[in-house]
Amino acid sequence: MRIWLNGELRDADAAKVSVLDHGLTVGDGLFETLKAQDGKVFALTRHLDRLTRSARGLGLPDPDLDEVRRACAAVLEANPMPLGRLRITYTGGVSPLGSERGKTGPTLVVAVGQTTRRPDTTAVVTVPWVRNERSALTGLKTTSYAENVVALARAHGAGASEALFANTVGQLCEGTGSNVFVVLDGELHTPPVASGCLAGITRALVVEWTGAKETDLPLDVLERADEVFLTSTLRDVQAVHRIDGRLLTAAPGPVTAKAMRIFDERAGSDLDP
């Protein structure tokens, strides 16, 4: 495997980041995950726009987007595969052992790993922990992911692929790496960004392409929703057939199936919507 690190491609065993990198020591970093099919990246511009917004929110310098684009192209050319998870990681760089940043500048890593298409349906669980919609990191796709690691491990222990969070006021928020949509009386809803959820790229496209409503929803909406589905870069639109102990036997339901079809058609016709 060949990996881009700070300006050049390197073999994986030579692509080494300092043990003093702020992304490692305190989680001071950002990342984007992109879908790459046969060397072509989906929605790259939207992902880079979000990377820049997140960098500004974290107080990091704006990434050099021309370099990031070159890095993505170089990594995909060096590592051909039918379906890949392309990851851009951007950290605070080498810094003192503490919360303050050093002066060496950010670290940029771009790597890709092979993946497979997700199943059409999945199971999810709810977890007792909450998203803080008033956090300094709300809306930023940071590398501070330990909370998600713990929640996802609980989901896997229950035979599910995702864990769903409420926020501090009991509203439905998001998954560990996905956004959530629900169907109520035939209408499609998703929590607003103000709930504390990440402004997912796939989420935004589904809202634009289906007319879904952004609605404050209590967590217990999951107990009565007619249909539920998840969105993310690698899930696209994925129906939910089980939530905790509740089975949704018709998954994917008609609204979800339509959203899946619309997303596949629109995404297939425009790689950078």
Foldseek 3Di string as FASTA:
>chain_A
DWKDKDQDIDDPVPRDADCQFCCNQPQAKAKDKWKAAQLFTFQVVVRLVLRQVLCVLSVAPRDPVVSVVVRSNVQCVVDGDGIKTKMWMKGLGRAPNDDDGDDPHIMIMIHIDDDDADDQEWAEEEDPDAAELPDSNQQGRTSPQVVLVVQQVVQVVVVTRWYWHFHPVQWTEQISAWFKWFADPNAIEGADSSRRHHPAPLVVVLCVQPVHYHDTHGPCVVVPTLWMWIDHNRNNTHTYQYYRHDGNPCPVDPVSVVSSVRRCVVCVVDRND
